[in-house]
Amino acid sequence: MEHTALRPRPLPGRGPRTGGGPAHHPHTASRRGRRPRTLLLGACAGTLLVLSGVGIGAVGATVLGGGRDSAPGSSPAAGSARESGPQATLGVEAVDYGSPGALVVGVHTPGPGYRAGLARGDVLLRFGGARVDTAAGLARAVARARPGSEVLLTVRHSGGGFQQLTVVPGVVT
């Protein structure tokens, strides 16, 4: 009786060849030109991700209240006299939605939007009495709001249902 545990058999492809002819190599595909093509595709994908992140970050900073005037030392336009009081923040990041509204892509956990019940995927349709058509419109409406005063939001949730929420905008520090 032969004990195979004492004398293991070779793995397939590792044993002695039984047939004649040239040796068979399973992975002999040409690799010429793969590295530059991979590097080029990676650079393009990275550039695309950086550019899309910059756009989302800029709108998010504006809605969060981090957006300031266009240049340091620039004065506001004559028709837009701005109070020197505290600025309001909603604590959400939003982007333009295909139809009217601003799509919420991020909600800061300790923040006014989170306390009001906003979630990622919600579409903000009204902020107080102002209709919200774009993320920039939402930023303008939040900038006009007074921190600490209740504002009524009209929201379409990702499931399709509409809801009115009360939010108290916070103060940008």
N, C-alpha and C. Protein backbone atom coordinates (compact mmCIF):
# COMPACT_ATOMS: atom_id res chain seq x y z
N MET A 1 0.83 -1.17 0.00
CA MET A 1 0.00 0.00 0.00
C MET A 1 0.89 1.25 0.00
N GLU A 2 0.60 2.15 -0.90
CA GLU A 2 1.43 3.34 -1.06
C GLU A 2 0.88 4.47 -0.20
N HIS A 3 1.72 5.17 0.55
CA HIS A 3 1.32 6.28 1.40
C HIS A 3 1.64 7.58 0.66
N THR A 4 0.60 8.25 0.15
CA THR A 4 0.83 9.47 -0.60
C THR A 4 1.19 10.63 0.31
N ALA A 5 0.86 10.57 1.57
CA ALA A 5 1.19 11.64 2.48
C ALA A 5 2.69 11.71 2.69
N LEU A 6 3.36 10.60 2.58
CA LEU A 6 4.80 10.59 2.78
C LEU A 6 5.55 11.04 1.53
N ARG A 7 4.94 10.83 0.37
CA ARG A 7 5.56 11.20 -0.88
C ARG A 7 4.57 12.03 -1.70
N PRO A 8 4.50 13.36 -1.48
CA PRO A 8 3.52 14.16 -2.18
C PRO A 8 3.81 14.21 -3.68
N ARG A 9 2.76 14.35 -4.44
CA ARG A 9 2.90 14.42 -5.88
C ARG A 9 3.19 15.86 -6.29
N PRO A 10 3.86 16.07 -7.40
CA PRO A 10 4.14 17.44 -7.84
C PRO A 10 2.87 18.15 -8.29
N LEU A 11 2.88 19.48 -8.17
CA LEU A 11 1.74 20.28 -8.61
C LEU A 11 1.61 20.19 -10.12
N PRO A 12 0.42 20.40 -10.65
CA PRO A 12 0.26 20.36 -12.10
C PRO A 12 1.14 21.41 -12.77
N GLY A 13 1.83 21.01 -13.83
CA GLY A 13 2.73 21.90 -14.53
C GLY A 13 4.13 21.91 -13.97
N ARG A 14 4.36 21.26 -12.85
CA ARG A 14 5.67 21.25 -12.21
C ARG A 14 6.39 19.90 -12.41
N GLY A 15 5.65 18.92 -12.82
CA GLY A 15 6.23 17.59 -12.97
C GLY A 15 7.00 17.47 -14.27
N PRO A 16 7.61 16.33 -14.50
CA PRO A 16 8.36 16.12 -15.74
C PRO A 16 7.41 16.10 -16.94
N ARG A 17 7.87 16.73 -18.04
CA ARG A 17 7.06 16.76 -19.26
C ARG A 17 7.08 15.39 -19.91
N THR A 18 5.91 15.01 -20.40
CA THR A 18 5.82 13.70 -21.04
C THR A 18 5.84 13.80 -22.55
N GLY A 19 5.39 14.92 -23.10
CA GLY A 19 5.35 15.06 -24.55
C GLY A 19 6.53 15.85 -25.07
N GLY A 20 6.77 15.76 -26.38
CA GLY A 20 7.85 16.53 -27.00
C GLY A 20 7.33 17.88 -27.46
N GLY A 21 8.18 18.66 -28.04
CA GLY A 21 7.79 19.95 -28.57
C GLY A 21 8.25 21.09 -27.67
N PRO A 22 7.89 22.32 -28.07
CA PRO A 22 8.35 23.47 -27.30
C PRO A 22 7.67 23.55 -25.94
N ALA A 23 8.33 24.18 -25.01
CA ALA A 23 7.79 24.34 -23.65
C ALA A 23 6.60 25.29 -23.68
N HIS A 24 5.60 25.03 -22.88
CA HIS A 24 4.39 25.85 -22.81
C HIS A 24 4.51 26.84 -21.66
N HIS A 25 4.39 28.13 -21.97
CA HIS A 25 4.40 29.17 -20.94
C HIS A 25 3.02 29.81 -20.93
N PRO A 26 2.27 29.70 -19.81
CA PRO A 26 0.88 30.16 -19.82
C PRO A 26 0.70 31.67 -19.93
N HIS A 27 1.60 32.50 -19.41
CA HIS A 27 1.40 33.95 -19.39
C HIS A 27 2.45 34.63 -20.27
N THR A 28 2.29 34.52 -21.56
CA THR A 28 3.26 35.14 -22.45
C THR A 28 2.64 36.28 -23.26
N ALA A 29 1.62 36.95 -22.71
CA ALA A 29 1.01 38.07 -23.42
C ALA A 29 1.98 39.23 -23.48
N SER A 30 1.91 39.99 -24.56
CA SER A 30 2.80 41.13 -24.73
C SER A 30 2.45 42.22 -23.71
N ARG A 31 3.46 42.72 -23.03
CA ARG A 31 3.23 43.76 -22.04
C ARG A 31 3.79 45.10 -22.51
N ARG A 32 4.17 45.20 -23.73
CA ARG A 32 4.75 46.43 -24.26
C ARG A 32 3.67 47.51 -24.31
N GLY A 33 3.97 48.70 -23.79
CA GLY A 33 3.05 49.82 -23.85
C GLY A 33 2.01 49.86 -22.75
N ARG A 34 2.01 48.90 -21.86
CA ARG A 34 1.01 48.89 -20.78
C ARG A 34 1.28 49.95 -19.73
N ARG A 35 2.53 50.11 -19.36
CA ARG A 35 2.85 51.04 -18.27
C ARG A 35 2.52 52.49 -18.65
N PRO A 36 2.93 52.99 -19.80
CA PRO A 36 2.57 54.39 -20.15
C PRO A 36 1.06 54.58 -20.26
N ARG A 37 0.37 53.60 -20.81
CA ARG A 37 -1.08 53.71 -20.94
C ARG A 37 -1.73 53.74 -19.56
N THR A 38 -1.28 52.90 -18.65
CA THR A 38 -1.82 52.88 -17.29
C THR A 38 -1.54 54.19 -16.57
N LEU A 39 -0.33 54.72 -16.73
CA LEU A 39 0.01 55.99 -16.09
C LEU A 39 -0.85 57.13 -16.64
N LEU A 40 -1.07 57.14 -17.96
CA LEU A 40 -1.87 58.19 -18.57
C LEU A 40 -3.32 58.11 -18.10
N LEU A 41 -3.90 56.92 -18.06
CA LEU A 41 -5.27 56.77 -17.58
C LEU A 41 -5.38 57.15 -16.10
N GLY A 42 -4.41 56.78 -15.30
CA GLY A 42 -4.42 57.14 -13.88
C GLY A 42 -4.33 58.64 -13.68
N ALA A 43 -3.48 59.30 -14.47
CA ALA A 43 -3.35 60.76 -14.36
C ALA A 43 -4.64 61.46 -14.77
N CYS A 44 -5.29 60.97 -15.82
CA CYS A 44 -6.56 61.57 -16.25
C CYS A 44 -7.65 61.37 -15.19
N ALA A 45 -7.74 60.17 -14.64
CA ALA A 45 -8.75 59.90 -13.62
C ALA A 45 -8.48 60.75 -12.37
N GLY A 46 -7.23 60.88 -11.97
CA GLY A 46 -6.90 61.70 -10.81
C GLY A 46 -7.23 63.15 -11.03
N THR A 47 -6.95 63.66 -12.21
CA THR A 47 -7.28 65.05 -12.54
C THR A 47 -8.78 65.28 -12.48
N LEU A 48 -9.54 64.34 -13.04
CA LEU A 48 -10.99 64.45 -13.03
C LEU A 48 -11.53 64.46 -11.59
N LEU A 49 -11.01 63.59 -10.74
CA LEU A 49 -11.47 63.56 -9.35
C LEU A 49 -11.12 64.84 -8.61
N VAL A 50 -9.94 65.35 -8.83
CA VAL A 50 -9.53 66.59 -8.16
C VAL A 50 -10.41 67.75 -8.60
N LEU A 51 -10.67 67.84 -9.91
CA LEU A 51 -11.49 68.94 -10.40
C LEU A 51 -12.92 68.86 -9.91
N SER A 52 -13.49 67.66 -9.86
CA SER A 52 -14.86 67.55 -9.35
C SER A 52 -14.91 67.81 -7.85
N GLY A 53 -13.89 67.43 -7.12
CA GLY A 53 -13.85 67.70 -5.69
C GLY A 53 -13.71 69.17 -5.39
N VAL A 54 -12.98 69.88 -6.23
CA VAL A 54 -12.81 71.32 -6.02
C VAL A 54 -14.15 72.01 -6.20
N GLY A 55 -14.92 71.61 -7.21
CA GLY A 55 -16.23 72.23 -7.44
C GLY A 55 -17.17 71.98 -6.29
N ILE A 56 -17.22 70.76 -5.78
CA ILE A 56 -18.11 70.43 -4.66
C ILE A 56 -17.63 71.16 -3.41
N GLY A 57 -16.32 71.21 -3.21
CA GLY A 57 -15.79 71.88 -2.02
C GLY A 57 -16.08 73.37 -2.02
N ALA A 58 -16.03 74.00 -3.18
CA ALA A 58 -16.29 75.44 -3.25
C ALA A 58 -17.73 75.75 -2.90
N VAL A 59 -18.67 74.96 -3.43
CA VAL A 59 -20.08 75.18 -3.11
C VAL A 59 -20.33 74.85 -1.65
N GLY A 60 -19.72 73.79 -1.16
CA GLY A 60 -19.88 73.42 0.24
C GLY A 60 -19.36 74.49 1.17
N ALA A 61 -18.23 75.08 0.84
CA ALA A 61 -17.68 76.14 1.68
C ALA A 61 -18.60 77.36 1.68
N THR A 62 -19.23 77.64 0.55
CA THR A 62 -20.14 78.78 0.48
C THR A 62 -21.37 78.52 1.34
N VAL A 63 -21.95 77.31 1.24
CA VAL A 63 -23.15 77.00 2.02
C VAL A 63 -22.82 76.91 3.50
N LEU A 64 -21.63 76.43 3.82
CA LEU A 64 -21.24 76.31 5.22
C LEU A 64 -20.92 77.67 5.83
N GLY A 65 -20.68 78.66 4.99
CA GLY A 65 -20.37 79.98 5.51
C GLY A 65 -18.90 80.26 5.46
N GLY A 66 -18.09 79.35 4.95
CA GLY A 66 -16.65 79.58 4.87
C GLY A 66 -16.26 80.44 3.70
N GLY A 67 -17.17 80.64 2.74
CA GLY A 67 -16.86 81.46 1.57
C GLY A 67 -16.83 82.93 1.96
N ARG A 68 -15.80 83.62 1.57
CA ARG A 68 -15.66 85.04 1.87
C ARG A 68 -15.72 85.81 0.57
N ASP A 69 -15.41 87.09 0.63
CA ASP A 69 -15.38 87.90 -0.58
C ASP A 69 -14.36 87.34 -1.55
N SER A 70 -14.47 87.77 -2.81
CA SER A 70 -13.65 87.19 -3.87
C SER A 70 -12.16 87.41 -3.67
N ALA A 71 -11.75 88.52 -3.12
CA ALA A 71 -10.34 88.77 -2.90
C ALA A 71 -10.16 89.51 -1.59
N PRO A 72 -9.03 89.28 -0.91
CA PRO A 72 -8.82 90.01 0.33
C PRO A 72 -8.71 91.50 0.06
N GLY A 73 -9.41 92.27 0.85
CA GLY A 73 -9.36 93.71 0.70
C GLY A 73 -10.34 94.25 -0.31
N SER A 74 -11.12 93.37 -0.96
CA SER A 74 -12.07 93.87 -1.95
C SER A 74 -13.31 94.39 -1.24
N SER A 75 -13.88 95.42 -1.78
CA SER A 75 -15.07 96.00 -1.15
C SER A 75 -16.31 95.44 -1.82
N PRO A 76 -17.40 95.28 -1.09
CA PRO A 76 -18.62 94.76 -1.70
C PRO A 76 -19.17 95.76 -2.70
N ALA A 77 -20.03 95.28 -3.60
CA ALA A 77 -20.62 96.13 -4.61
C ALA A 77 -21.54 97.16 -3.94
N ALA A 78 -21.83 98.23 -4.65
CA ALA A 78 -22.61 99.33 -4.07
C ALA A 78 -24.00 98.89 -3.67
N GLY A 79 -24.64 98.00 -4.44
CA GLY A 79 -26.01 97.60 -4.14
C GLY A 79 -26.11 96.52 -3.09
N SER A 80 -25.00 95.97 -2.65
CA SER A 80 -25.07 94.85 -1.70
C SER A 80 -24.43 95.25 -0.38
N ALA A 81 -25.03 96.19 0.30
CA ALA A 81 -24.51 96.59 1.61
C ALA A 81 -24.68 95.44 2.57
N ARG A 82 -23.61 95.03 3.23
CA ARG A 82 -23.61 93.85 4.08
C ARG A 82 -23.48 94.26 5.54
N GLU A 83 -24.26 93.60 6.37
CA GLU A 83 -24.15 93.86 7.80
C GLU A 83 -22.83 93.34 8.31
N SER A 84 -22.36 93.92 9.38
CA SER A 84 -21.13 93.43 9.98
C SER A 84 -21.43 92.42 11.08
N GLY A 85 -22.70 92.01 11.20
CA GLY A 85 -23.10 91.05 12.23
C GLY A 85 -22.68 89.64 11.86
N PRO A 86 -23.05 88.67 12.70
CA PRO A 86 -22.67 87.27 12.46
C PRO A 86 -23.37 86.71 11.22
N GLN A 87 -22.68 85.82 10.53
CA GLN A 87 -23.23 85.16 9.36
C GLN A 87 -23.85 83.83 9.76
N ALA A 88 -24.90 83.44 9.03
CA ALA A 88 -25.60 82.20 9.32
C ALA A 88 -24.98 81.04 8.55
N THR A 89 -25.13 79.85 9.11
CA THR A 89 -24.69 78.63 8.45
C THR A 89 -25.75 77.55 8.64
N LEU A 90 -25.86 76.68 7.63
CA LEU A 90 -26.83 75.59 7.68
C LEU A 90 -26.16 74.27 8.01
N GLY A 91 -24.85 74.17 7.80
CA GLY A 91 -24.12 72.94 8.12
C GLY A 91 -24.35 71.83 7.12
N VAL A 92 -24.57 72.18 5.86
CA VAL A 92 -24.73 71.16 4.81
C VAL A 92 -23.85 71.54 3.63
N GLU A 93 -23.55 70.54 2.81
CA GLU A 93 -22.88 70.76 1.54
C GLU A 93 -23.88 70.39 0.46
N ALA A 94 -24.03 71.27 -0.53
CA ALA A 94 -25.05 71.06 -1.56
C ALA A 94 -24.48 71.34 -2.93
N VAL A 95 -25.04 70.67 -3.93
CA VAL A 95 -24.68 70.89 -5.33
C VAL A 95 -25.96 71.15 -6.10
N ASP A 96 -25.81 71.66 -7.32
CA ASP A 96 -26.98 71.90 -8.17
C ASP A 96 -27.65 70.58 -8.50
N TYR A 97 -28.97 70.61 -8.56
CA TYR A 97 -29.76 69.44 -8.90
C TYR A 97 -30.27 69.64 -10.31
N GLY A 98 -30.61 68.57 -11.03
CA GLY A 98 -31.06 68.69 -12.41
C GLY A 98 -32.27 69.59 -12.56
N SER A 99 -33.26 69.42 -11.72
CA SER A 99 -34.43 70.30 -11.73
C SER A 99 -34.26 71.30 -10.59
N PRO A 100 -35.18 72.23 -10.40
CA PRO A 100 -34.99 73.22 -9.32
C PRO A 100 -34.76 72.56 -7.97
N GLY A 101 -33.83 73.13 -7.24
CA GLY A 101 -33.50 72.62 -5.92
C GLY A 101 -32.00 72.44 -5.76
N ALA A 102 -31.57 72.22 -4.54
CA ALA A 102 -30.16 71.99 -4.22
C ALA A 102 -30.05 70.62 -3.56
N LEU A 103 -29.24 69.74 -4.14
CA LEU A 103 -29.06 68.38 -3.64
C LEU A 103 -28.06 68.39 -2.50
N VAL A 104 -28.45 67.84 -1.36
CA VAL A 104 -27.57 67.76 -0.18
C VAL A 104 -26.64 66.57 -0.37
N VAL A 105 -25.33 66.85 -0.41
CA VAL A 105 -24.35 65.78 -0.57
C VAL A 105 -23.57 65.53 0.72
N GLY A 106 -23.75 66.38 1.71
CA GLY A 106 -23.08 66.18 2.98
C GLY A 106 -23.77 66.96 4.08
N VAL A 107 -23.89 66.34 5.25
CA VAL A 107 -24.50 66.99 6.41
C VAL A 107 -23.50 66.89 7.55
N HIS A 108 -23.14 68.03 8.11
CA HIS A 108 -22.20 68.03 9.24
C HIS A 108 -22.96 67.61 10.49
N THR A 109 -22.42 66.57 11.15
CA THR A 109 -23.14 65.92 12.23
C THR A 109 -23.50 66.85 13.38
N PRO A 110 -22.60 67.55 14.01
CA PRO A 110 -23.13 68.51 14.97
C PRO A 110 -23.41 69.83 14.23
N GLY A 111 -24.60 69.96 13.73
CA GLY A 111 -24.91 71.18 12.99
C GLY A 111 -26.40 71.40 12.86
N PRO A 112 -26.80 72.57 12.39
CA PRO A 112 -28.22 72.90 12.29
C PRO A 112 -28.99 71.98 11.33
N GLY A 113 -28.40 71.65 10.20
CA GLY A 113 -29.07 70.78 9.24
C GLY A 113 -29.30 69.39 9.80
N TYR A 114 -28.33 68.87 10.53
CA TYR A 114 -28.46 67.55 11.14
C TYR A 114 -29.56 67.56 12.21
N ARG A 115 -29.58 68.61 13.03
CA ARG A 115 -30.61 68.70 14.08
C ARG A 115 -32.00 68.84 13.47
N ALA A 116 -32.11 69.46 12.31
CA ALA A 116 -33.41 69.63 11.67
C ALA A 116 -33.90 68.34 11.03
N GLY A 117 -32.98 67.42 10.73
CA GLY A 117 -33.38 66.14 10.13
C GLY A 117 -32.98 65.99 8.67
N LEU A 118 -32.10 66.86 8.17
CA LEU A 118 -31.64 66.72 6.79
C LEU A 118 -30.70 65.53 6.67
N ALA A 119 -30.75 64.88 5.51
CA ALA A 119 -29.88 63.74 5.26
C ALA A 119 -29.31 63.86 3.86
N ARG A 120 -28.22 63.13 3.62
CA ARG A 120 -27.61 63.13 2.29
C ARG A 120 -28.61 62.56 1.30
N GLY A 121 -28.76 63.23 0.16
CA GLY A 121 -29.71 62.80 -0.86
C GLY A 121 -30.99 63.61 -0.86
N ASP A 122 -31.22 64.42 0.18
CA ASP A 122 -32.39 65.30 0.21
C ASP A 122 -32.21 66.43 -0.79
N VAL A 123 -33.32 66.94 -1.31
CA VAL A 123 -33.29 68.09 -2.21
C VAL A 123 -34.02 69.23 -1.52
N LEU A 124 -33.31 70.36 -1.30
CA LEU A 124 -33.91 71.53 -0.67
C LEU A 124 -34.63 72.34 -1.73
N LEU A 125 -35.93 72.57 -1.53
CA LEU A 125 -36.75 73.29 -2.51
C LEU A 125 -37.05 74.72 -2.09
N ARG A 126 -37.27 74.94 -0.79
CA ARG A 126 -37.54 76.29 -0.27
C ARG A 126 -36.77 76.47 1.02
N PHE A 127 -36.27 77.69 1.21
CA PHE A 127 -35.60 78.08 2.44
C PHE A 127 -36.31 79.33 2.92
N GLY A 128 -37.13 79.19 3.95
CA GLY A 128 -37.95 80.31 4.40
C GLY A 128 -38.97 80.61 3.30
N GLY A 129 -39.05 81.85 2.88
CA GLY A 129 -39.96 82.21 1.81
C GLY A 129 -39.33 82.18 0.44
N ALA A 130 -38.04 81.88 0.36
CA ALA A 130 -37.32 81.92 -0.91
C ALA A 130 -37.29 80.54 -1.57
N ARG A 131 -37.59 80.52 -2.86
CA ARG A 131 -37.49 79.29 -3.63
C ARG A 131 -36.02 79.03 -3.92
N VAL A 132 -35.58 77.78 -3.77
CA VAL A 132 -34.19 77.42 -4.01
C VAL A 132 -34.11 76.72 -5.37
N ASP A 133 -33.42 77.37 -6.33
CA ASP A 133 -33.26 76.78 -7.66
C ASP A 133 -31.91 76.12 -7.84
N THR A 134 -30.88 76.65 -7.19
CA THR A 134 -29.52 76.12 -7.32
C THR A 134 -28.84 76.14 -5.95
N ALA A 135 -27.65 75.56 -5.90
CA ALA A 135 -26.87 75.58 -4.66
C ALA A 135 -26.45 77.01 -4.32
N ALA A 136 -26.17 77.82 -5.34
CA ALA A 136 -25.81 79.22 -5.10
C ALA A 136 -27.02 79.98 -4.53
N GLY A 137 -28.22 79.66 -5.00
CA GLY A 137 -29.42 80.28 -4.45
C GLY A 137 -29.62 79.91 -2.99
N LEU A 138 -29.31 78.67 -2.65
CA LEU A 138 -29.38 78.25 -1.25
C LEU A 138 -28.38 79.04 -0.42
N ALA A 139 -27.17 79.21 -0.94
CA ALA A 139 -26.14 79.96 -0.21
C ALA A 139 -26.58 81.40 0.03
N ARG A 140 -27.22 82.02 -0.99
CA ARG A 140 -27.70 83.39 -0.82
C ARG A 140 -28.82 83.46 0.23
N ALA A 141 -29.72 82.47 0.21
CA ALA A 141 -30.83 82.46 1.17
C ALA A 141 -30.30 82.27 2.60
N VAL A 142 -29.32 81.40 2.76
CA VAL A 142 -28.73 81.17 4.09
C VAL A 142 -28.00 82.43 4.55
N ALA A 143 -27.33 83.13 3.64
CA ALA A 143 -26.61 84.36 4.00
C ALA A 143 -27.57 85.45 4.46
N ARG A 144 -28.80 85.47 3.92
CA ARG A 144 -29.78 86.49 4.33
C ARG A 144 -30.43 86.14 5.67
N ALA A 145 -30.37 84.87 6.08
CA ALA A 145 -31.04 84.46 7.32
C ALA A 145 -30.29 84.99 8.54
N ARG A 146 -31.03 85.17 9.63
CA ARG A 146 -30.42 85.59 10.89
C ARG A 146 -30.10 84.35 11.71
N PRO A 147 -28.88 84.22 12.21
CA PRO A 147 -28.54 83.08 13.06
C PRO A 147 -29.41 83.08 14.31
N GLY A 148 -29.89 81.91 14.67
CA GLY A 148 -30.69 81.76 15.88
C GLY A 148 -32.18 81.90 15.67
N SER A 149 -32.64 82.32 14.49
CA SER A 149 -34.08 82.43 14.24
C SER A 149 -34.53 81.23 13.41
N GLU A 150 -35.72 80.73 13.72
CA GLU A 150 -36.23 79.55 13.03
C GLU A 150 -36.58 79.87 11.58
N VAL A 151 -36.26 78.92 10.69
CA VAL A 151 -36.57 79.04 9.26
C VAL A 151 -37.23 77.74 8.83
N LEU A 152 -38.26 77.85 8.01
CA LEU A 152 -38.98 76.68 7.51
C LEU A 152 -38.36 76.23 6.19
N LEU A 153 -37.99 74.93 6.12
CA LEU A 153 -37.42 74.33 4.92
C LEU A 153 -38.45 73.42 4.27
N THR A 154 -38.51 73.42 2.95
CA THR A 154 -39.29 72.42 2.23
C THR A 154 -38.29 71.48 1.56
N VAL A 155 -38.43 70.19 1.86
CA VAL A 155 -37.44 69.19 1.44
C VAL A 155 -38.14 68.06 0.71
N ARG A 156 -37.50 67.57 -0.37
CA ARG A 156 -37.94 66.32 -1.00
C ARG A 156 -36.89 65.28 -0.64
N HIS A 157 -37.31 64.24 0.09
CA HIS A 157 -36.38 63.20 0.52
C HIS A 157 -36.03 62.30 -0.66
N SER A 158 -34.96 61.52 -0.50
CA SER A 158 -34.50 60.66 -1.58
C SER A 158 -35.55 59.60 -1.93
N GLY A 159 -36.44 59.28 -1.00
CA GLY A 159 -37.51 58.31 -1.26
C GLY A 159 -38.66 58.91 -2.06
N GLY A 160 -38.68 60.24 -2.22
CA GLY A 160 -39.72 60.89 -3.01
C GLY A 160 -40.72 61.68 -2.19
N GLY A 161 -40.75 61.50 -0.88
CA GLY A 161 -41.71 62.21 -0.03
C GLY A 161 -41.27 63.64 0.26
N PHE A 162 -42.26 64.51 0.42
CA PHE A 162 -41.99 65.91 0.75
C PHE A 162 -42.19 66.11 2.24
N GLN A 163 -41.43 67.04 2.83
CA GLN A 163 -41.56 67.32 4.25
C GLN A 163 -41.13 68.77 4.50
N GLN A 164 -41.77 69.39 5.48
CA GLN A 164 -41.35 70.72 5.90
C GLN A 164 -40.65 70.58 7.24
N LEU A 165 -39.43 71.08 7.31
CA LEU A 165 -38.61 70.99 8.51
C LEU A 165 -38.32 72.40 9.02
N THR A 166 -38.14 72.50 10.32
CA THR A 166 -37.75 73.77 10.93
C THR A 166 -36.28 73.68 11.31
N VAL A 167 -35.51 74.66 10.83
CA VAL A 167 -34.08 74.68 11.11
C VAL A 167 -33.74 76.02 11.77
N VAL A 168 -32.77 75.98 12.66
CA VAL A 168 -32.27 77.20 13.30
C VAL A 168 -30.83 77.38 12.82
N PRO A 169 -30.59 78.29 11.86
CA PRO A 169 -29.22 78.48 11.35
C PRO A 169 -28.26 78.85 12.47
N GLY A 170 -27.06 78.30 12.38
CA GLY A 170 -26.03 78.57 13.37
C GLY A 170 -25.20 79.77 12.99
N VAL A 171 -24.18 80.04 13.80
CA VAL A 171 -23.29 81.18 13.59
C VAL A 171 -21.97 80.67 13.05
N VAL A 172 -21.45 81.34 12.03
CA VAL A 172 -20.14 81.02 11.49
C VAL A 172 -19.10 81.61 12.42
N THR A 173 -18.17 80.78 12.87
CA THR A 173 -17.12 81.29 13.75
C THR A 173 -15.79 81.25 13.06
